[in-house]
Amino acid sequence: MKFKKTGNRSISINSREIAFDQDVYEFVELSDRVIVNLLLDDFPRDRSFDGRNIVCFDKNGKVLWKIQDSGVKVEITYGPTILLGYTGLWRPEGSDTIKVGGIDWTYDLDPETGHVSNPTHDRDTS
């Protein structure tokens, strides 16, 4: 699979261009798919992609899944309550596990389904 980030808001998968309304913040490339984290700051303040700002594409550029929503609700001043999205996407060096981050939490991401598991609290409680 040939993948590249072609601009701040676009990617190419096997020569198929995919454009977004948001910046491509991070991505993890696998042999048969690419997982893209879209920058939260670029979403409308009242939506934030309903907490699902990480999207997986197959080798043909078809959306396979959007990450399960974070379940974290935030009240926007003078606006609605929204589901908060994820703030990080990475694969630790030497690991097959893909990680996603949220506010104070890190999760394992299933690249086949977009489900998250094994939450780890990042905040120091001492």
N, C-alpha and C. Protein backbone atom coordinates (compact mmCIF):
# COMPACT_ATOMS: atom_id res chain seq x y z
N MET A 1 0.85 -1.17 0.00
CA MET A 1 0.00 0.00 0.00
C MET A 1 0.89 1.23 0.00
N LYS A 2 0.59 2.17 -0.88
CA LYS A 2 1.33 3.43 -0.93
C LYS A 2 0.50 4.51 -0.23
N PHE A 3 1.07 5.06 0.82
CA PHE A 3 0.38 6.09 1.59
C PHE A 3 1.32 7.28 1.75
N LYS A 4 0.74 8.49 1.67
CA LYS A 4 1.50 9.68 2.03
C LYS A 4 0.54 10.80 2.41
N LYS A 5 1.03 11.64 3.27
CA LYS A 5 0.32 12.86 3.63
C LYS A 5 0.66 13.86 2.54
N THR A 6 -0.33 14.35 1.82
CA THR A 6 -0.08 15.22 0.66
C THR A 6 -0.26 16.70 0.96
N GLY A 7 -0.80 17.00 2.11
CA GLY A 7 -1.01 18.39 2.53
C GLY A 7 -1.47 18.38 3.96
N ASN A 8 -1.69 19.55 4.54
CA ASN A 8 -2.15 19.60 5.92
C ASN A 8 -3.49 18.91 6.10
N ARG A 9 -4.33 18.95 5.05
CA ARG A 9 -5.69 18.41 5.15
C ARG A 9 -5.96 17.35 4.10
N SER A 10 -4.93 16.63 3.67
CA SER A 10 -5.16 15.60 2.66
C SER A 10 -4.13 14.48 2.77
N ILE A 11 -4.57 13.30 2.31
CA ILE A 11 -3.71 12.13 2.24
C ILE A 11 -3.92 11.47 0.88
N SER A 12 -3.00 10.60 0.52
CA SER A 12 -3.12 9.80 -0.70
C SER A 12 -2.89 8.35 -0.32
N ILE A 13 -3.83 7.50 -0.75
CA ILE A 13 -3.70 6.05 -0.53
C ILE A 13 -3.77 5.40 -1.90
N ASN A 14 -2.66 4.76 -2.32
CA ASN A 14 -2.59 4.15 -3.65
C ASN A 14 -3.10 5.09 -4.73
N SER A 15 -2.61 6.32 -4.69
CA SER A 15 -2.91 7.38 -5.65
C SER A 15 -4.32 7.95 -5.55
N ARG A 16 -5.11 7.54 -4.57
CA ARG A 16 -6.44 8.12 -4.37
C ARG A 16 -6.33 9.23 -3.33
N GLU A 17 -6.67 10.45 -3.73
CA GLU A 17 -6.61 11.60 -2.84
C GLU A 17 -7.85 11.64 -1.94
N ILE A 18 -7.63 11.90 -0.66
CA ILE A 18 -8.71 12.06 0.30
C ILE A 18 -8.48 13.38 1.01
N ALA A 19 -9.48 14.26 0.95
CA ALA A 19 -9.37 15.58 1.57
C ALA A 19 -10.27 15.64 2.80
N PHE A 20 -9.84 16.41 3.78
CA PHE A 20 -10.57 16.59 5.03
C PHE A 20 -10.83 18.06 5.26
N ASP A 21 -11.80 18.36 6.11
CA ASP A 21 -12.04 19.73 6.55
C ASP A 21 -11.14 20.08 7.73
N GLN A 22 -10.42 19.09 8.25
CA GLN A 22 -9.56 19.26 9.41
C GLN A 22 -8.12 18.88 9.02
N ASP A 23 -7.16 19.41 9.78
CA ASP A 23 -5.77 19.01 9.57
C ASP A 23 -5.57 17.56 9.97
N VAL A 24 -4.72 16.87 9.22
CA VAL A 24 -4.27 15.54 9.60
C VAL A 24 -3.19 15.74 10.65
N TYR A 25 -3.50 15.36 11.89
CA TYR A 25 -2.60 15.61 13.01
C TYR A 25 -1.54 14.53 13.12
N GLU A 26 -1.98 13.26 13.09
CA GLU A 26 -1.07 12.12 13.21
C GLU A 26 -1.65 10.98 12.40
N PHE A 27 -0.81 10.00 12.12
CA PHE A 27 -1.31 8.80 11.45
C PHE A 27 -0.42 7.61 11.80
N VAL A 28 -1.01 6.43 11.70
CA VAL A 28 -0.26 5.18 11.85
C VAL A 28 -0.56 4.37 10.60
N GLU A 29 0.50 4.00 9.90
CA GLU A 29 0.37 3.22 8.68
C GLU A 29 0.61 1.74 8.97
N LEU A 30 -0.32 0.90 8.56
CA LEU A 30 -0.19 -0.55 8.67
C LEU A 30 -0.11 -1.13 7.26
N SER A 31 0.10 -2.43 7.13
CA SER A 31 0.28 -3.02 5.81
C SER A 31 -0.94 -2.90 4.92
N ASP A 32 -2.14 -2.93 5.49
CA ASP A 32 -3.37 -2.93 4.67
C ASP A 32 -4.33 -1.80 5.01
N ARG A 33 -3.89 -0.85 5.84
CA ARG A 33 -4.77 0.26 6.25
C ARG A 33 -3.94 1.38 6.85
N VAL A 34 -4.57 2.54 6.95
CA VAL A 34 -3.93 3.67 7.61
C VAL A 34 -4.96 4.28 8.56
N ILE A 35 -4.50 4.63 9.75
CA ILE A 35 -5.35 5.22 10.77
C ILE A 35 -4.93 6.68 10.92
N VAL A 36 -5.90 7.58 10.82
CA VAL A 36 -5.63 9.01 10.78
C VAL A 36 -6.30 9.70 11.97
N ASN A 37 -5.55 10.55 12.65
CA ASN A 37 -6.06 11.38 13.74
C ASN A 37 -6.24 12.80 13.20
N LEU A 38 -7.49 13.26 13.17
CA LEU A 38 -7.79 14.61 12.69
C LEU A 38 -7.75 15.59 13.85
N LEU A 39 -7.15 16.74 13.62
CA LEU A 39 -6.91 17.73 14.65
C LEU A 39 -8.22 18.25 15.24
N LEU A 40 -8.37 18.13 16.55
CA LEU A 40 -9.59 18.54 17.23
C LEU A 40 -9.88 20.03 17.08
N ASP A 41 -8.84 20.85 17.06
CA ASP A 41 -9.04 22.30 16.99
C ASP A 41 -9.74 22.74 15.71
N ASP A 42 -9.73 21.90 14.69
CA ASP A 42 -10.33 22.26 13.41
C ASP A 42 -11.80 21.89 13.28
N PHE A 43 -12.35 21.19 14.27
CA PHE A 43 -13.76 20.84 14.23
C PHE A 43 -14.60 22.00 14.76
N PRO A 44 -15.83 22.12 14.29
CA PRO A 44 -16.71 23.15 14.86
C PRO A 44 -16.82 22.94 16.37
N ARG A 45 -16.79 24.01 17.13
CA ARG A 45 -16.79 23.92 18.60
C ARG A 45 -18.00 23.17 19.14
N ASP A 46 -19.08 23.14 18.39
CA ASP A 46 -20.29 22.50 18.90
C ASP A 46 -20.40 21.04 18.51
N ARG A 47 -19.44 20.49 17.77
CA ARG A 47 -19.56 19.11 17.32
C ARG A 47 -18.35 18.25 17.73
N SER A 48 -17.15 18.69 17.42
CA SER A 48 -15.93 17.94 17.70
C SER A 48 -16.02 16.50 17.22
N PHE A 49 -16.69 16.32 16.05
CA PHE A 49 -16.77 15.01 15.38
C PHE A 49 -17.42 13.97 16.27
N ASP A 50 -18.24 14.44 17.20
CA ASP A 50 -18.93 13.55 18.14
C ASP A 50 -17.96 12.60 18.84
N GLY A 51 -16.78 13.10 19.16
CA GLY A 51 -15.80 12.30 19.90
C GLY A 51 -15.11 11.23 19.06
N ARG A 52 -15.28 11.27 17.75
CA ARG A 52 -14.75 10.20 16.88
C ARG A 52 -13.83 10.77 15.81
N ASN A 53 -12.75 11.42 16.22
CA ASN A 53 -11.86 12.11 15.29
C ASN A 53 -10.73 11.24 14.74
N ILE A 54 -10.74 9.94 15.03
CA ILE A 54 -9.75 9.01 14.48
C ILE A 54 -10.48 8.08 13.51
N VAL A 55 -9.96 8.02 12.27
CA VAL A 55 -10.64 7.31 11.19
C VAL A 55 -9.65 6.35 10.54
N CYS A 56 -10.14 5.16 10.16
CA CYS A 56 -9.30 4.16 9.51
C CYS A 56 -9.75 3.97 8.07
N PHE A 57 -8.77 3.92 7.15
CA PHE A 57 -9.02 3.72 5.73
C PHE A 57 -8.32 2.45 5.25
N ASP A 58 -8.96 1.75 4.30
CA ASP A 58 -8.31 0.58 3.71
C ASP A 58 -7.42 1.02 2.55
N LYS A 59 -6.83 0.04 1.86
CA LYS A 59 -5.89 0.34 0.78
C LYS A 59 -6.54 1.00 -0.42
N ASN A 60 -7.88 1.00 -0.49
CA ASN A 60 -8.60 1.68 -1.58
C ASN A 60 -9.13 3.04 -1.17
N GLY A 61 -8.85 3.47 0.06
CA GLY A 61 -9.31 4.76 0.55
C GLY A 61 -10.71 4.73 1.12
N LYS A 62 -11.26 3.54 1.31
CA LYS A 62 -12.60 3.39 1.88
C LYS A 62 -12.51 3.47 3.41
N VAL A 63 -13.46 4.18 4.03
CA VAL A 63 -13.51 4.25 5.49
C VAL A 63 -13.90 2.88 6.03
N LEU A 64 -13.05 2.31 6.88
CA LEU A 64 -13.36 1.04 7.54
C LEU A 64 -14.10 1.26 8.85
N TRP A 65 -13.69 2.29 9.59
CA TRP A 65 -14.34 2.62 10.86
C TRP A 65 -13.92 4.00 11.33
N LYS A 66 -14.72 4.54 12.23
CA LYS A 66 -14.35 5.71 13.04
C LYS A 66 -14.25 5.18 14.46
N ILE A 67 -13.30 5.69 15.20
CA ILE A 67 -13.06 5.23 16.57
C ILE A 67 -14.34 5.34 17.39
N GLN A 68 -14.49 4.42 18.34
CA GLN A 68 -15.66 4.53 19.22
C GLN A 68 -15.59 5.86 19.96
N ASP A 69 -16.75 6.43 20.26
CA ASP A 69 -16.71 7.74 20.91
C ASP A 69 -16.06 7.62 22.28
N SER A 70 -15.49 8.72 22.71
CA SER A 70 -14.70 8.74 23.94
C SER A 70 -15.55 8.56 25.19
N GLY A 71 -16.82 8.90 25.10
CA GLY A 71 -17.68 8.82 26.27
C GLY A 71 -17.48 9.98 27.24
N VAL A 72 -16.52 10.86 26.93
CA VAL A 72 -16.24 12.00 27.80
C VAL A 72 -17.04 13.19 27.30
N LYS A 73 -17.97 13.66 28.13
CA LYS A 73 -18.80 14.80 27.75
C LYS A 73 -18.26 16.08 28.36
N VAL A 74 -18.27 17.14 27.56
CA VAL A 74 -17.75 18.43 27.99
C VAL A 74 -18.80 19.49 27.67
N GLU A 75 -19.05 20.36 28.63
CA GLU A 75 -19.97 21.47 28.39
C GLU A 75 -19.20 22.63 27.80
N ILE A 76 -19.67 23.10 26.66
CA ILE A 76 -19.06 24.25 26.02
C ILE A 76 -19.76 25.51 26.57
N THR A 77 -18.96 26.50 26.95
CA THR A 77 -19.55 27.75 27.44
C THR A 77 -20.46 28.33 26.37
N TYR A 78 -21.68 28.62 26.75
CA TYR A 78 -22.69 29.16 25.84
C TYR A 78 -22.95 28.24 24.66
N GLY A 79 -22.83 26.94 24.89
CA GLY A 79 -23.07 25.98 23.81
C GLY A 79 -23.53 24.66 24.37
N PRO A 80 -23.64 23.68 23.51
CA PRO A 80 -24.14 22.37 23.93
C PRO A 80 -23.07 21.54 24.62
N THR A 81 -23.48 20.44 25.20
CA THR A 81 -22.55 19.44 25.71
C THR A 81 -22.12 18.57 24.53
N ILE A 82 -20.81 18.35 24.40
CA ILE A 82 -20.30 17.55 23.28
C ILE A 82 -19.48 16.39 23.81
N LEU A 83 -19.26 15.41 22.96
CA LEU A 83 -18.34 14.32 23.28
C LEU A 83 -16.94 14.76 22.88
N LEU A 84 -16.01 14.65 23.79
CA LEU A 84 -14.63 15.05 23.53
C LEU A 84 -13.95 14.01 22.66
N GLY A 85 -13.13 14.45 21.74
CA GLY A 85 -12.38 13.54 20.88
C GLY A 85 -11.06 13.12 21.51
N TYR A 86 -10.26 12.43 20.73
CA TYR A 86 -8.96 11.92 21.18
C TYR A 86 -7.85 12.88 20.78
N THR A 87 -6.81 12.94 21.60
CA THR A 87 -5.75 13.92 21.41
C THR A 87 -4.43 13.33 20.94
N GLY A 88 -4.33 12.03 20.81
CA GLY A 88 -3.08 11.42 20.37
C GLY A 88 -3.30 10.07 19.72
N LEU A 89 -2.40 9.70 18.81
CA LEU A 89 -2.41 8.41 18.12
C LEU A 89 -0.96 8.03 17.86
N TRP A 90 -0.53 6.84 18.32
CA TRP A 90 0.84 6.43 18.10
C TRP A 90 0.99 4.92 18.30
N ARG A 91 2.10 4.40 17.79
CA ARG A 91 2.50 3.02 18.04
C ARG A 91 3.88 3.08 18.67
N PRO A 92 3.96 2.68 19.95
CA PRO A 92 5.26 2.72 20.63
C PRO A 92 6.30 1.91 19.86
N GLU A 93 7.51 2.41 19.85
CA GLU A 93 8.60 1.75 19.13
C GLU A 93 8.76 0.31 19.62
N GLY A 94 8.85 -0.62 18.68
CA GLY A 94 9.04 -2.03 19.01
C GLY A 94 7.77 -2.74 19.46
N SER A 95 6.62 -2.09 19.31
CA SER A 95 5.37 -2.66 19.77
C SER A 95 4.38 -2.78 18.61
N ASP A 96 3.51 -3.78 18.69
CA ASP A 96 2.42 -3.92 17.73
C ASP A 96 1.15 -3.22 18.21
N THR A 97 1.16 -2.77 19.45
CA THR A 97 -0.02 -2.13 20.03
C THR A 97 -0.10 -0.68 19.57
N ILE A 98 -1.29 -0.27 19.19
CA ILE A 98 -1.54 1.13 18.81
C ILE A 98 -2.21 1.80 20.00
N LYS A 99 -1.76 2.99 20.31
CA LYS A 99 -2.27 3.74 21.46
C LYS A 99 -3.00 4.99 20.99
N VAL A 100 -4.01 5.37 21.75
CA VAL A 100 -4.68 6.66 21.56
C VAL A 100 -4.74 7.35 22.91
N GLY A 101 -4.72 8.67 22.87
CA GLY A 101 -4.77 9.44 24.10
C GLY A 101 -6.02 10.27 24.19
N GLY A 102 -6.46 10.46 25.40
CA GLY A 102 -7.55 11.37 25.72
C GLY A 102 -7.09 12.24 26.86
N ILE A 103 -7.97 13.07 27.36
CA ILE A 103 -7.61 13.92 28.49
C ILE A 103 -7.31 13.03 29.69
N ASP A 104 -6.06 12.98 30.12
CA ASP A 104 -5.59 12.23 31.29
C ASP A 104 -5.62 10.71 31.13
N TRP A 105 -5.97 10.19 29.95
CA TRP A 105 -6.07 8.74 29.77
C TRP A 105 -5.37 8.30 28.49
N THR A 106 -4.85 7.06 28.52
CA THR A 106 -4.30 6.41 27.34
C THR A 106 -5.02 5.07 27.18
N TYR A 107 -5.31 4.70 25.93
CA TYR A 107 -6.03 3.47 25.65
C TYR A 107 -5.29 2.68 24.57
N ASP A 108 -5.53 1.36 24.54
CA ASP A 108 -5.11 0.54 23.41
C ASP A 108 -6.20 0.65 22.35
N LEU A 109 -5.81 0.71 21.08
CA LEU A 109 -6.75 0.81 19.98
C LEU A 109 -6.70 -0.47 19.16
N ASP A 110 -7.85 -1.08 18.91
CA ASP A 110 -7.95 -2.24 18.04
C ASP A 110 -8.00 -1.76 16.59
N PRO A 111 -6.96 -2.03 15.78
CA PRO A 111 -6.92 -1.50 14.41
C PRO A 111 -7.95 -2.15 13.48
N GLU A 112 -8.55 -3.25 13.91
CA GLU A 112 -9.57 -3.92 13.10
C GLU A 112 -10.95 -3.31 13.30
N THR A 113 -11.22 -2.78 14.49
CA THR A 113 -12.59 -2.35 14.82
C THR A 113 -12.73 -0.89 15.24
N GLY A 114 -11.64 -0.27 15.71
CA GLY A 114 -11.73 1.09 16.23
C GLY A 114 -12.18 1.16 17.67
N HIS A 115 -12.26 0.02 18.33
CA HIS A 115 -12.63 0.00 19.75
C HIS A 115 -11.39 0.24 20.61
N VAL A 116 -11.61 0.90 21.74
CA VAL A 116 -10.52 1.15 22.67
C VAL A 116 -10.70 0.29 23.92
N SER A 117 -9.58 -0.03 24.56
CA SER A 117 -9.60 -0.86 25.76
C SER A 117 -8.39 -0.53 26.63
N ASN A 118 -8.33 -1.17 27.77
CA ASN A 118 -7.19 -1.05 28.70
C ASN A 118 -6.84 0.40 29.04
N PRO A 119 -7.81 1.14 29.58
CA PRO A 119 -7.50 2.53 29.93
C PRO A 119 -6.44 2.63 31.01
N THR A 120 -5.53 3.56 30.83
CA THR A 120 -4.48 3.85 31.81
C THR A 120 -4.57 5.33 32.15
N HIS A 121 -4.67 5.62 33.44
CA HIS A 121 -4.77 7.01 33.87
C HIS A 121 -3.38 7.64 33.83
N ASP A 122 -3.25 8.76 33.14
CA ASP A 122 -1.96 9.41 32.93
C ASP A 122 -1.63 10.45 34.00
N ARG A 123 -2.63 10.95 34.67
CA ARG A 123 -2.42 12.04 35.61
C ARG A 123 -1.70 11.54 36.86
N ASP A 124 -0.73 12.29 37.32
CA ASP A 124 -0.03 11.97 38.55
C ASP A 124 -0.95 12.33 39.71
N THR A 125 -1.26 11.36 40.55
CA THR A 125 -2.19 11.61 41.67
C THR A 125 -1.47 11.82 42.99
N SER A 126 -0.15 11.97 42.96
CA SER A 126 0.58 12.15 44.22
C SER A 126 0.56 13.57 44.69
